[in-house]
Amino acid sequence: MIPRVIAMNGTGNGGVGYVYIPVFTELSTPSVGRGALIVKVISVSSLSANNPTGNLEVVETCSIGGYAIPQGGADSAVVTGSTVYIVTIEIGFGLGGS
């Protein structure tokens, strides 16, 4: 399971568009049950961007261990709206220790 960037269009060029970007951070080994998966939202931040053309291209590139996902490099989408809100969600993850 690999979270992806989510792009949501507004209602036409005069509406509001949204882009949600997940960012992963490794947590230090928490002192909970061995092998327990810990996932928590660390922070959420946002900013707005004026989009005078009404179309904003969002390009996603992700690489894990030297492999690009999706294969071939990048995926893209066009977000419509005169204002686009860009929301970054920092997600922490880790495995419990003994």
PDB file of N, CA and C in Angstrom:
ATOM      1  N   MET A   1       0.841  -1.164   0.000  1.00  0.00           N
ATOM      2  CA  MET A   1       0.000   0.000   0.000  1.00  0.00           C
ATOM      3  C   MET A   1       0.892   1.235   0.000  1.00  0.00           C
ATOM      4  N   ILE A   2       0.787   2.033  -1.041  1.00  0.00           N
ATOM      5  CA  ILE A   2       1.563   3.261  -1.143  1.00  0.00           C
ATOM      6  C   ILE A   2       0.592   4.419  -1.311  1.00  0.00           C
ATOM      7  N   PRO A   3       0.509   5.318  -0.321  1.00  0.00           N
ATOM      8  CA  PRO A   3      -0.383   6.477  -0.464  1.00  0.00           C
ATOM      9  C   PRO A   3       0.053   7.340  -1.635  1.00  0.00           C
ATOM     10  N   ARG A   4      -0.906   7.892  -2.305  1.00  0.00           N
ATOM     11  CA  ARG A   4      -0.643   8.695  -3.489  1.00  0.00           C
ATOM     12  C   ARG A   4      -1.121  10.119  -3.273  1.00  0.00           C
ATOM     13  N   VAL A   5      -0.618  11.015  -4.089  1.00  0.00           N
ATOM     14  CA  VAL A   5      -1.095  12.386  -4.105  1.00  0.00           C
ATOM     15  C   VAL A   5      -2.528  12.359  -4.622  1.00  0.00           C
ATOM     16  N   ILE A   6      -3.408  13.126  -3.976  1.00  0.00           N
ATOM     17  CA  ILE A   6      -4.802  13.195  -4.393  1.00  0.00           C
ATOM     18  C   ILE A   6      -5.066  14.598  -4.925  1.00  0.00           C
ATOM     19  N   ALA A   7      -5.606  14.696  -6.129  1.00  0.00           N
ATOM     20  CA  ALA A   7      -5.956  15.980  -6.733  1.00  0.00           C
ATOM     21  C   ALA A   7      -7.465  16.003  -6.962  1.00  0.00           C
ATOM     22  N   MET A   8      -8.126  17.038  -6.414  1.00  0.00           N
ATOM     23  CA  MET A   8      -9.575  17.159  -6.556  1.00  0.00           C
ATOM     24  C   MET A   8      -9.895  18.478  -7.244  1.00  0.00           C
ATOM     25  N   ASN A   9     -10.712  18.411  -8.275  1.00  0.00           N
ATOM     26  CA  ASN A   9     -11.067  19.599  -9.044  1.00  0.00           C
ATOM     27  C   ASN A   9     -12.160  20.404  -8.382  1.00  0.00           C
ATOM     28  N   GLY A  10     -12.103  21.712  -8.645  1.00  0.00           N
ATOM     29  CA  GLY A  10     -13.168  22.601  -8.227  1.00  0.00           C
ATOM     30  C   GLY A  10     -14.274  22.569  -9.264  1.00  0.00           C
ATOM     31  N   THR A  11     -15.282  23.385  -9.072  1.00  0.00           N
ATOM     32  CA  THR A  11     -16.389  23.447 -10.025  1.00  0.00           C
ATOM     33  C   THR A  11     -16.040  24.473 -11.099  1.00  0.00           C
ATOM     34  N   GLY A  12     -15.349  24.029 -12.133  1.00  0.00           N
ATOM     35  CA  GLY A  12     -14.956  24.911 -13.225  1.00  0.00           C
ATOM     36  C   GLY A  12     -13.770  25.774 -12.864  1.00  0.00           C
ATOM     37  N   ASN A  13     -13.401  26.668 -13.755  1.00  0.00           N
ATOM     38  CA  ASN A  13     -12.218  27.505 -13.555  1.00  0.00           C
ATOM     39  C   ASN A  13     -12.387  28.507 -12.416  1.00  0.00           C
ATOM     40  N   GLY A  14     -13.621  28.830 -12.021  1.00  0.00           N
ATOM     41  CA  GLY A  14     -13.838  29.784 -10.944  1.00  0.00           C
ATOM     42  C   GLY A  14     -13.930  29.131  -9.579  1.00  0.00           C
ATOM     43  N   GLY A  15     -13.869  27.817  -9.503  1.00  0.00           N
ATOM     44  CA  GLY A  15     -14.029  27.104  -8.240  1.00  0.00           C
ATOM     45  C   GLY A  15     -12.727  26.987  -7.472  1.00  0.00           C
ATOM     46  N   VAL A  16     -12.713  26.040  -6.529  1.00  0.00           N
ATOM     47  CA  VAL A  16     -11.560  25.801  -5.671  1.00  0.00           C
ATOM     48  C   VAL A  16     -11.100  24.361  -5.892  1.00  0.00           C
ATOM     49  N   GLY A  17      -9.795  24.173  -6.107  1.00  0.00           N
ATOM     50  CA  GLY A  17      -9.234  22.834  -6.254  1.00  0.00           C
ATOM     51  C   GLY A  17      -8.394  22.483  -5.036  1.00  0.00           C
ATOM     52  N   TYR A  18      -8.165  21.183  -4.843  1.00  0.00           N
ATOM     53  CA  TYR A  18      -7.397  20.709  -3.688  1.00  0.00           C
ATOM     54  C   TYR A  18      -6.351  19.701  -4.137  1.00  0.00           C
ATOM     55  N   VAL A  19      -5.170  19.751  -3.513  1.00  0.00           N
ATOM     56  CA  VAL A  19      -4.124  18.760  -3.722  1.00  0.00           C
ATOM     57  C   VAL A  19      -3.681  18.299  -2.339  1.00  0.00           C
ATOM     58  N   TYR A  20      -3.753  16.986  -2.086  1.00  0.00           N
ATOM     59  CA  TYR A  20      -3.341  16.410  -0.806  1.00  0.00           C
ATOM     60  C   TYR A  20      -2.067  15.608  -1.030  1.00  0.00           C
ATOM     61  N   ILE A  21      -1.005  15.923  -0.261  1.00  0.00           N
ATOM     62  CA  ILE A  21       0.295  15.288  -0.439  1.00  0.00           C
ATOM     63  C   ILE A  21       0.692  14.564   0.843  1.00  0.00           C
ATOM     64  N   PRO A  22       0.778  13.212   0.812  1.00  0.00           N
ATOM     65  CA  PRO A  22       1.245  12.486   1.994  1.00  0.00           C
ATOM     66  C   PRO A  22       2.774  12.472   2.042  1.00  0.00           C
ATOM     67  N   VAL A  23       3.341  12.689   3.232  1.00  0.00           N
ATOM     68  CA  VAL A  23       4.789  12.642   3.431  1.00  0.00           C
ATOM     69  C   VAL A  23       5.051  11.690   4.598  1.00  0.00           C
ATOM     70  N   PHE A  24       5.943  10.719   4.402  1.00  0.00           N
ATOM     71  CA  PHE A  24       6.206   9.731   5.442  1.00  0.00           C
ATOM     72  C   PHE A  24       7.474  10.036   6.216  1.00  0.00           C
ATOM     73  N   THR A  25       7.412   9.816   7.537  1.00  0.00           N
ATOM     74  CA  THR A  25       8.547   9.994   8.429  1.00  0.00           C
ATOM     75  C   THR A  25       8.654   8.749   9.287  1.00  0.00           C
ATOM     76  N   GLU A  26       9.857   8.206   9.397  1.00  0.00           N
ATOM     77  CA  GLU A  26      10.054   7.031  10.232  1.00  0.00           C
ATOM     78  C   GLU A  26      10.124   7.458  11.696  1.00  0.00           C
ATOM     79  N   LEU A  27       9.352   6.774  12.532  1.00  0.00           N
ATOM     80  CA  LEU A  27       9.359   7.059  13.963  1.00  0.00           C
ATOM     81  C   LEU A  27      10.467   6.257  14.623  1.00  0.00           C
ATOM     82  N   SER A  28      11.044   6.793  15.705  1.00  0.00           N
ATOM     83  CA  SER A  28      11.989   5.991  16.468  1.00  0.00           C
ATOM     84  C   SER A  28      11.211   4.820  17.061  1.00  0.00           C
ATOM     85  N   THR A  29      11.893   3.743  17.393  1.00  0.00           N
ATOM     86  CA  THR A  29      11.227   2.536  17.860  1.00  0.00           C
ATOM     87  C   THR A  29      10.446   2.816  19.135  1.00  0.00           C
ATOM     88  N   PRO A  30       9.106   2.795  19.040  1.00  0.00           N
ATOM     89  CA  PRO A  30       8.308   3.043  20.235  1.00  0.00           C
ATOM     90  C   PRO A  30       8.355   1.841  21.181  1.00  0.00           C
ATOM     91  N   SER A  31       8.178   2.086  22.471  1.00  0.00           N
ATOM     92  CA  SER A  31       8.239   0.992  23.445  1.00  0.00           C
ATOM     93  C   SER A  31       6.851   0.408  23.653  1.00  0.00           C
ATOM     94  N   VAL A  32       6.327  -0.191  22.608  1.00  0.00           N
ATOM     95  CA  VAL A  32       5.045  -0.909  22.671  1.00  0.00           C
ATOM     96  C   VAL A  32       5.313  -2.346  22.254  1.00  0.00           C
ATOM     97  N   GLY A  33       4.304  -3.145  22.145  1.00  0.00           N
ATOM     98  CA  GLY A  33       4.465  -4.561  21.818  1.00  0.00           C
ATOM     99  C   GLY A  33       5.344  -4.820  20.610  1.00  0.00           C
ATOM    100  N   ARG A  34       6.156  -5.838  20.720  1.00  0.00           N
ATOM    101  CA  ARG A  34       7.072  -6.209  19.645  1.00  0.00           C
ATOM    102  C   ARG A  34       6.303  -6.496  18.358  1.00  0.00           C
ATOM    103  N   GLY A  35       6.733  -5.881  17.278  1.00  0.00           N
ATOM    104  CA  GLY A  35       6.126  -6.093  15.975  1.00  0.00           C
ATOM    105  C   GLY A  35       4.845  -5.311  15.732  1.00  0.00           C
ATOM    106  N   ALA A  36       4.405  -4.504  16.707  1.00  0.00           N
ATOM    107  CA  ALA A  36       3.187  -3.704  16.528  1.00  0.00           C
ATOM    108  C   ALA A  36       3.471  -2.576  15.537  1.00  0.00           C
ATOM    109  N   LEU A  37       2.567  -2.379  14.606  1.00  0.00           N
ATOM    110  CA  LEU A  37       2.709  -1.301  13.630  1.00  0.00           C
ATOM    111  C   LEU A  37       2.117  -0.028  14.218  1.00  0.00           C
ATOM    112  N   ILE A  38       2.911   1.031  14.257  1.00  0.00           N
ATOM    113  CA  ILE A  38       2.477   2.327  14.774  1.00  0.00           C
ATOM    114  C   ILE A  38       2.373   3.296  13.597  1.00  0.00           C
ATOM    115  N   VAL A  39       1.196   3.893  13.423  1.00  0.00           N
ATOM    116  CA  VAL A  39       0.971   4.889  12.380  1.00  0.00           C
ATOM    117  C   VAL A  39       0.252   6.056  13.029  1.00  0.00           C
ATOM    118  N   LYS A  40       0.784   7.265  12.851  1.00  0.00           N
ATOM    119  CA  LYS A  40       0.099   8.438  13.402  1.00  0.00           C
ATOM    120  C   LYS A  40       0.338   9.656  12.529  1.00  0.00           C
ATOM    121  N   VAL A  41      -0.636  10.547  12.539  1.00  0.00           N
ATOM    122  CA  VAL A  41      -0.508  11.804  11.805  1.00  0.00           C
ATOM    123  C   VAL A  41       0.297  12.750  12.687  1.00  0.00           C
ATOM    124  N   ILE A  42       1.434  13.213  12.158  1.00  0.00           N
ATOM    125  CA  ILE A  42       2.321  14.088  12.915  1.00  0.00           C
ATOM    126  C   ILE A  42       1.932  15.551  12.733  1.00  0.00           C
ATOM    127  N   SER A  43       1.664  15.944  11.500  1.00  0.00           N
ATOM    128  CA  SER A  43       1.271  17.331  11.262  1.00  0.00           C
ATOM    129  C   SER A  43       0.494  17.454   9.958  1.00  0.00           C
ATOM    130  N   VAL A  44      -0.272  18.529   9.873  1.00  0.00           N
ATOM    131  CA  VAL A  44      -1.009  18.868   8.659  1.00  0.00           C
ATOM    132  C   VAL A  44      -0.769  20.351   8.406  1.00  0.00           C
ATOM    133  N   SER A  45      -0.329  20.679   7.212  1.00  0.00           N
ATOM    134  CA  SER A  45      -0.127  22.089   6.866  1.00  0.00           C
ATOM    135  C   SER A  45      -0.733  22.350   5.493  1.00  0.00           C
ATOM    136  N   SER A  46      -1.110  23.599   5.256  1.00  0.00           N
ATOM    137  CA  SER A  46      -1.703  23.923   3.964  1.00  0.00           C
ATOM    138  C   SER A  46      -1.319  25.328   3.531  1.00  0.00           C
ATOM    139  N   LEU A  47      -1.432  25.539   2.245  1.00  0.00           N
ATOM    140  CA  LEU A  47      -1.248  26.866   1.672  1.00  0.00           C
ATOM    141  C   LEU A  47      -2.164  26.975   0.482  1.00  0.00           C
ATOM    142  N   SER A  48      -2.483  28.210   0.114  1.00  0.00           N
ATOM    143  CA  SER A  48      -3.327  28.411  -1.057  1.00  0.00           C
ATOM    144  C   SER A  48      -2.511  29.072  -2.149  1.00  0.00           C
ATOM    145  N   ALA A  49      -2.847  28.723  -3.373  1.00  0.00           N
ATOM    146  CA  ALA A  49      -2.152  29.290  -4.525  1.00  0.00           C
ATOM    147  C   ALA A  49      -3.195  29.858  -5.483  1.00  0.00           C
ATOM    148  N   ASN A  50      -2.980  31.099  -5.918  1.00  0.00           N
ATOM    149  CA  ASN A  50      -3.839  31.656  -6.955  1.00  0.00           C
ATOM    150  C   ASN A  50      -3.517  30.956  -8.256  1.00  0.00           C
ATOM    151  N   ASN A  51      -4.534  30.630  -8.993  1.00  0.00           N
ATOM    152  CA  ASN A  51      -4.378  29.870 -10.230  1.00  0.00           C
ATOM    153  C   ASN A  51      -5.077  30.641 -11.351  1.00  0.00           C
ATOM    154  N   PRO A  52      -4.436  31.716 -11.854  1.00  0.00           N
ATOM    155  CA  PRO A  52      -5.119  32.592 -12.811  1.00  0.00           C
ATOM    156  C   PRO A  52      -5.535  31.908 -14.108  1.00  0.00           C
ATOM    157  N   THR A  53      -4.825  30.865 -14.526  1.00  0.00           N
ATOM    158  CA  THR A  53      -5.201  30.191 -15.773  1.00  0.00           C
ATOM    159  C   THR A  53      -6.357  29.217 -15.555  1.00  0.00           C
ATOM    160  N   GLY A  54      -6.624  28.864 -14.297  1.00  0.00           N
ATOM    161  CA  GLY A  54      -7.701  27.932 -14.005  1.00  0.00           C
ATOM    162  C   GLY A  54      -7.298  26.479 -14.121  1.00  0.00           C
ATOM    163  N   ASN A  55      -6.084  26.204 -14.607  1.00  0.00           N
ATOM    164  CA  ASN A  55      -5.588  24.834 -14.741  1.00  0.00           C
ATOM    165  C   ASN A  55      -4.191  24.737 -14.147  1.00  0.00           C
ATOM    166  N   LEU A  56      -4.009  23.843 -13.188  1.00  0.00           N
ATOM    167  CA  LEU A  56      -2.716  23.641 -12.553  1.00  0.00           C
ATOM    168  C   LEU A  56      -2.334  22.173 -12.715  1.00  0.00           C
ATOM    169  N   GLU A  57      -1.196  21.916 -13.346  1.00  0.00           N
ATOM    170  CA  GLU A  57      -0.764  20.532 -13.530  1.00  0.00           C
ATOM    171  C   GLU A  57       0.011  20.071 -12.305  1.00  0.00           C
ATOM    172  N   VAL A  58      -0.377  18.924 -11.763  1.00  0.00           N
ATOM    173  CA  VAL A  58       0.277  18.323 -10.608  1.00  0.00           C
ATOM    174  C   VAL A  58       0.979  17.070 -11.094  1.00  0.00           C
ATOM    175  N   VAL A  59       2.289  16.982 -10.839  1.00  0.00           N
ATOM    176  CA  VAL A  59       3.076  15.839 -11.273  1.00  0.00           C
ATOM    177  C   VAL A  59       3.599  15.114 -10.042  1.00  0.00           C
ATOM    178  N   GLU A  60       3.366  13.812  -9.977  1.00  0.00           N
ATOM    179  CA  GLU A  60       3.791  12.995  -8.848  1.00  0.00           C
ATOM    180  C   GLU A  60       4.896  12.055  -9.292  1.00  0.00           C
ATOM    181  N   THR A  61       6.001  12.068  -8.554  1.00  0.00           N
ATOM    182  CA  THR A  61       7.084  11.123  -8.779  1.00  0.00           C
ATOM    183  C   THR A  61       7.446  10.512  -7.438  1.00  0.00           C
ATOM    184  N   CYS A  62       7.498   9.206  -7.374  1.00  0.00           N
ATOM    185  CA  CYS A  62       7.812   8.517  -6.129  1.00  0.00           C
ATOM    186  C   CYS A  62       8.839   7.436  -6.435  1.00  0.00           C
ATOM    187  N   SER A  63       9.865   7.344  -5.617  1.00  0.00           N
ATOM    188  CA  SER A  63      10.833   6.267  -5.808  1.00  0.00           C
ATOM    189  C   SER A  63      11.094   5.584  -4.481  1.00  0.00           C
ATOM    190  N   ILE A  64      11.101   4.275  -4.513  1.00  0.00           N
ATOM    191  CA  ILE A  64      11.346   3.470  -3.326  1.00  0.00           C
ATOM    192  C   ILE A  64      12.426   2.467  -3.675  1.00  0.00           C
ATOM    193  N   GLY A  65      13.550   2.521  -2.972  1.00  0.00           N
ATOM    194  CA  GLY A  65      14.623   1.575  -3.219  1.00  0.00           C
ATOM    195  C   GLY A  65      15.154   1.606  -4.638  1.00  0.00           C
ATOM    196  N   GLY A  66      15.133   2.760  -5.270  1.00  0.00           N
ATOM    197  CA  GLY A  66      15.669   2.875  -6.620  1.00  0.00           C
ATOM    198  C   GLY A  66      14.664   2.552  -7.714  1.00  0.00           C
ATOM    199  N   TYR A  67      13.428   2.207  -7.343  1.00  0.00           N
ATOM    200  CA  TYR A  67      12.399   1.903  -8.334  1.00  0.00           C
ATOM    201  C   TYR A  67      11.392   3.028  -8.375  1.00  0.00           C
ATOM    202  N   ALA A  68      11.065   3.482  -9.580  1.00  0.00           N
ATOM    203  CA  ALA A  68      10.075   4.550  -9.731  1.00  0.00           C
ATOM    204  C   ALA A  68       8.685   3.928  -9.727  1.00  0.00           C
ATOM    205  N   ILE A  69       7.756   4.583  -9.029  1.00  0.00           N
ATOM    206  CA  ILE A  69       6.372   4.126  -8.982  1.00  0.00           C
ATOM    207  C   ILE A  69       5.498   5.285  -9.438  1.00  0.00           C
ATOM    208  N   PRO A  70       4.676   5.171 -10.449  1.00  0.00           N
ATOM    209  CA  PRO A  70       4.506   4.010 -11.296  1.00  0.00           C
ATOM    210  C   PRO A  70       5.713   3.822 -12.211  1.00  0.00           C
ATOM    211  N   GLN A  71       5.849   2.659 -12.761  1.00  0.00           N
ATOM    212  CA  GLN A  71       6.979   2.389 -13.646  1.00  0.00           C
ATOM    213  C   GLN A  71       6.966   3.404 -14.780  1.00  0.00           C
ATOM    214  N   GLY A  72       8.124   3.911 -15.098  1.00  0.00           N
ATOM    215  CA  GLY A  72       8.209   4.906 -16.156  1.00  0.00           C
ATOM    216  C   GLY A  72       8.334   6.316 -15.618  1.00  0.00           C
ATOM    217  N   GLY A  73       8.250   6.503 -14.300  1.00  0.00           N
ATOM    218  CA  GLY A  73       8.560   7.821 -13.776  1.00  0.00           C
ATOM    219  C   GLY A  73       7.454   8.537 -13.059  1.00  0.00           C
ATOM    220  N   ALA A  74       6.667   9.350 -13.761  1.00  0.00           N
ATOM    221  CA  ALA A  74       5.751  10.250 -13.073  1.00  0.00           C
ATOM    222  C   ALA A  74       4.315  10.053 -13.536  1.00  0.00           C
ATOM    223  N   ASP A  75       3.399  10.442 -12.687  1.00  0.00           N
ATOM    224  CA  ASP A  75       1.979  10.440 -12.979  1.00  0.00           C
ATOM    225  C   ASP A  75       1.533  11.890 -12.839  1.00  0.00           C
ATOM    226  N   SER A  76       0.533  12.310 -13.587  1.00  0.00           N
ATOM    227  CA  SER A  76       0.126  13.711 -13.497  1.00  0.00           C
ATOM    228  C   SER A  76      -1.387  13.854 -13.589  1.00  0.00           C
ATOM    229  N   ALA A  77      -1.854  15.010 -13.139  1.00  0.00           N
ATOM    230  CA  ALA A  77      -3.274  15.359 -13.205  1.00  0.00           C
ATOM    231  C   ALA A  77      -3.369  16.867 -13.333  1.00  0.00           C
ATOM    232  N   VAL A  78      -4.488  17.350 -13.850  1.00  0.00           N
ATOM    233  CA  VAL A  78      -4.725  18.784 -13.954  1.00  0.00           C
ATOM    234  C   VAL A  78      -5.830  19.143 -12.964  1.00  0.00           C
ATOM    235  N   VAL A  79      -5.552  20.130 -12.111  1.00  0.00           N
ATOM    236  CA  VAL A  79      -6.518  20.598 -11.115  1.00  0.00           C
ATOM    237  C   VAL A  79      -7.089  21.912 -11.619  1.00  0.00           C
ATOM    238  N   THR A  80      -8.420  22.004 -11.653  1.00  0.00           N
ATOM    239  CA  THR A  80      -9.064  23.242 -12.084  1.00  0.00           C
ATOM    240  C   THR A  80      -9.531  24.029 -10.868  1.00  0.00           C
ATOM    241  N   GLY A  81      -9.622  25.320 -11.056  1.00  0.00           N
ATOM    242  CA  GLY A  81     -10.084  26.212  -9.999  1.00  0.00           C
ATOM    243  C   GLY A  81      -9.234  27.459  -9.959  1.00  0.00           C
ATOM    244  N   SER A  82      -9.838  28.598  -9.579  1.00  0.00           N
ATOM    245  CA  SER A  82      -9.078  29.845  -9.524  1.00  0.00           C
ATOM    246  C   SER A  82      -8.177  29.881  -8.288  1.00  0.00           C
ATOM    247  N   THR A  83      -8.508  29.088  -7.262  1.00  0.00           N
ATOM    248  CA  THR A  83      -7.671  28.942  -6.082  1.00  0.00           C
ATOM    249  C   THR A  83      -7.451  27.458  -5.849  1.00  0.00           C
ATOM    250  N   VAL A  84      -6.224  27.084  -5.551  1.00  0.00           N
ATOM    251  CA  VAL A  84      -5.903  25.682  -5.260  1.00  0.00           C
ATOM    252  C   VAL A  84      -5.279  25.626  -3.872  1.00  0.00           C
ATOM    253  N   TYR A  85      -5.855  24.795  -3.011  1.00  0.00           N
ATOM    254  CA  TYR A  85      -5.303  24.572  -1.675  1.00  0.00           C
ATOM    255  C   TYR A  85      -4.422  23.335  -1.720  1.00  0.00           C
ATOM    256  N   ILE A  86      -3.192  23.482  -1.247  1.00  0.00           N
ATOM    257  CA  ILE A  86      -2.231  22.385  -1.223  1.00  0.00           C
ATOM    258  C   ILE A  86      -2.037  21.990   0.234  1.00  0.00           C
ATOM    259  N   VAL A  87      -2.416  20.754   0.566  1.00  0.00           N
ATOM    260  CA  VAL A  87      -2.388  20.268   1.943  1.00  0.00           C
ATOM    261  C   VAL A  87      -1.339  19.164   2.052  1.00  0.00           C
ATOM    262  N   THR A  88      -0.370  19.343   2.956  1.00  0.00           N
ATOM    263  CA  THR A  88       0.669  18.344   3.201  1.00  0.00           C
ATOM    264  C   THR A  88       0.357  17.645   4.515  1.00  0.00           C
ATOM    265  N   ILE A  89       0.302  16.305   4.464  1.00  0.00           N
ATOM    266  CA  ILE A  89      -0.003  15.502   5.649  1.00  0.00           C
ATOM    267  C   ILE A  89       1.217  14.657   5.973  1.00  0.00           C
ATOM    268  N   GLU A  90       1.860  14.951   7.115  1.00  0.00           N
ATOM    269  CA  GLU A  90       3.038  14.173   7.528  1.00  0.00           C
ATOM    270  C   GLU A  90       2.575  12.998   8.372  1.00  0.00           C
ATOM    271  N   ILE A  91       2.912  11.796   7.920  1.00  0.00           N
ATOM    272  CA  ILE A  91       2.474  10.563   8.570  1.00  0.00           C
ATOM    273  C   ILE A  91       3.708   9.839   9.112  1.00  0.00           C
ATOM    274  N   GLY A  92       3.710   9.545  10.407  1.00  0.00           N
ATOM    275  CA  GLY A  92       4.806   8.812  11.023  1.00  0.00           C
ATOM    276  C   GLY A  92       4.462   7.334  11.087  1.00  0.00           C
ATOM    277  N   PHE A  93       5.484   6.470  10.919  1.00  0.00           N
ATOM    278  CA  PHE A  93       5.253   5.043  11.012  1.00  0.00           C
ATOM    279  C   PHE A  93       6.467   4.381  11.663  1.00  0.00           C
ATOM    280  N   GLY A  94       6.240   3.268  12.278  1.00  0.00           N
ATOM    281  CA  GLY A  94       7.337   2.521  12.904  1.00  0.00           C
ATOM    282  C   GLY A  94       6.833   1.193  13.433  1.00  0.00           C
ATOM    283  N   LEU A  95       7.750   0.316  13.815  1.00  0.00           N
ATOM    284  CA  LEU A  95       7.424  -0.975  14.411  1.00  0.00           C
ATOM    285  C   LEU A  95       7.827  -0.959  15.875  1.00  0.00           C
ATOM    286  N   GLY A  96       6.968  -1.526  16.703  1.00  0.00           N
ATOM    287  CA  GLY A  96       7.251  -1.581  18.130  1.00  0.00           C
ATOM    288  C   GLY A  96       8.442  -2.474  18.423  1.00  0.00           C
ATOM    289  N   GLY A  97       9.161  -2.123  19.461  1.00  0.00           N
ATOM    290  CA  GLY A  97      10.320  -2.899  19.893  1.00  0.00           C
ATOM    291  C   GLY A  97       9.986  -3.726  21.127  1.00  0.00           C
ATOM    292  N   SER A  98      10.980  -4.407  21.633  1.00  0.00           N
ATOM    293  CA  SER A  98      10.728  -5.251  22.809  1.00  0.00           C
ATOM    294  C   SER A  98      10.931  -4.487  24.088  1.00  0.00           C
TER     295      SER A  98
END
